[in-house]
Amino acid sequence: RRERERERERERKMSDGASAEAELLKKLTITDGKVTELAKAREEAALTLADLYANRGSSDKLVGLLEDLKPFFSTIPKAKTAKIVRAIIDAVSKIPGTTELQLKLCREQAAWARSEKRTFLRQRIETRLATLLFATRDYQGALSLISTLLSEVKRLDDKLLLVDIHLLESRVHHALRNLPKSKAALTAARTAANAIYVPPAAQAEIDCQSGTLHAEEKDYKTAYSYFYEGFEQYSSVDESKAGPVLKYMLLCKIMSGNAEDVAGIVNTKAGLKYSNIPGVNAMLEIAEVYKQRSIQAYQAALEKHKDSLTQDLVVMGHLQALYEKMLEQNILRIIEPYSQVEVDFIASQLSLDKSLVERKLSTMILDGIVFGTLENDSSLIVYDKPSNDAFYKESISTIENISHAVDVLTKVIS
């Protein structure tokens, strides 16, 4: 009986949707009435139809709708055309698995806008195209398009679009690990933003990118502050983006050695809303593992939350650094009581491969974290940490003073 009721409900919704679609399509073809009223009715019908197709997942119908509306676009102002075209492209983006279609659609619409001399619309579609190229990791293609856009938009002095393009440029350079250029692009975005009113969502993007770059410089305290500002902005305008920013806030707390604060942040009034998001749950588990200093549990947590952690460009590098830090702490804890210890013993205690432990020990010795030497790659001889005796510094200073005095006396005699 319940199955029959559900089936009837589905049929009713499909029937309602079909009738709504027919009604909206009819509005698009009406030709009787005042020009302004007709244009407004057709615009509203097009936007409503785009939402209807997006909810159904009908990407092919959205593409067809865009083509069918092109004769209508010649009769309405360019600003309204831009609004409808961008709304339909946004509707396509709501359908999962349509990235390639979005790329194709953006290229086609940018070419059409160029042929129709609709500069405002073309520049925004090309900015969207550059964003998609960045999302698909075609960084060189994105940078090439960004470079062309910047030269055009700077001449027009469109500050708000400049902010978006510079922010995208900063993210692309960050993905390519070119931090100086990423910081320069972010500075340019801030300069453009200071001259105009910036919507809260755009300001949140600036704050989050600032947090990302400070985290790259290991300044996790400042990075956390920027991410917190971005989180507050997103919480008020776009909650779907607030969850990932909370994940970055928790990452900063872990990386700065304050893993015990993570649970408290999530349990606040603002954090509870996003406590069930996969990325936030992953950070809670990483924080617990970090407090236990367990390498095996850490690797297991990474594997468990692979989709929400290792696929994230911002998180990925920091998690590797955290792994190296935990490995160093574990090695130091094991070798602390010994003056000489077998590498095999260290590897067995950590349940890691011997060659990996050897490489890590060599790096720690070269970095001055461990004072010692590896004997025939089989054992580690540990030395006491050399003390900084002030006597040597004072002796050097005394010798330098005597040398200076002798030089002066030599000049006087000569």
Foldseek 3Di string as FASTA:
>chain_A
DVVVVVVVVVVVVVVVLVVLLVVLVVLLPDDDDDPVVSLVSNLVSLLVNLLSCLVVLPLVVLLVSLVVCVVVCVSDDLVSVLVSLVSNLVSNVSRPPCLVVSLVSLVVVLVVCVVVVVVVSNLVSLLVNLVSCVVVVVLVVSVVSLVVSVVVCVVVLPLQSLLSSLLSQLVSCVLVVNLVSSVVSLVSSVVSCVVDPHQLQSQLSSLQSVLLSCVVVVVLVSSLVSLVSSLVSCLVPPPVVNLVSLLSNLLSCVSVVNLVCLVVVCPDPSNVVNCPPLSSVLSNQCSVCVVVLALVSNVVSCVVSVVNACVDSSRNVSSVVSSLVSLLVLLCVVCVVDQKAFLVVSCVVNVHDSVVSLVSVVVCCVVVVFPWDQDVSTMTGGDDDDDDDVVVVVVVVVVVVVVVVVVVVVVVVD
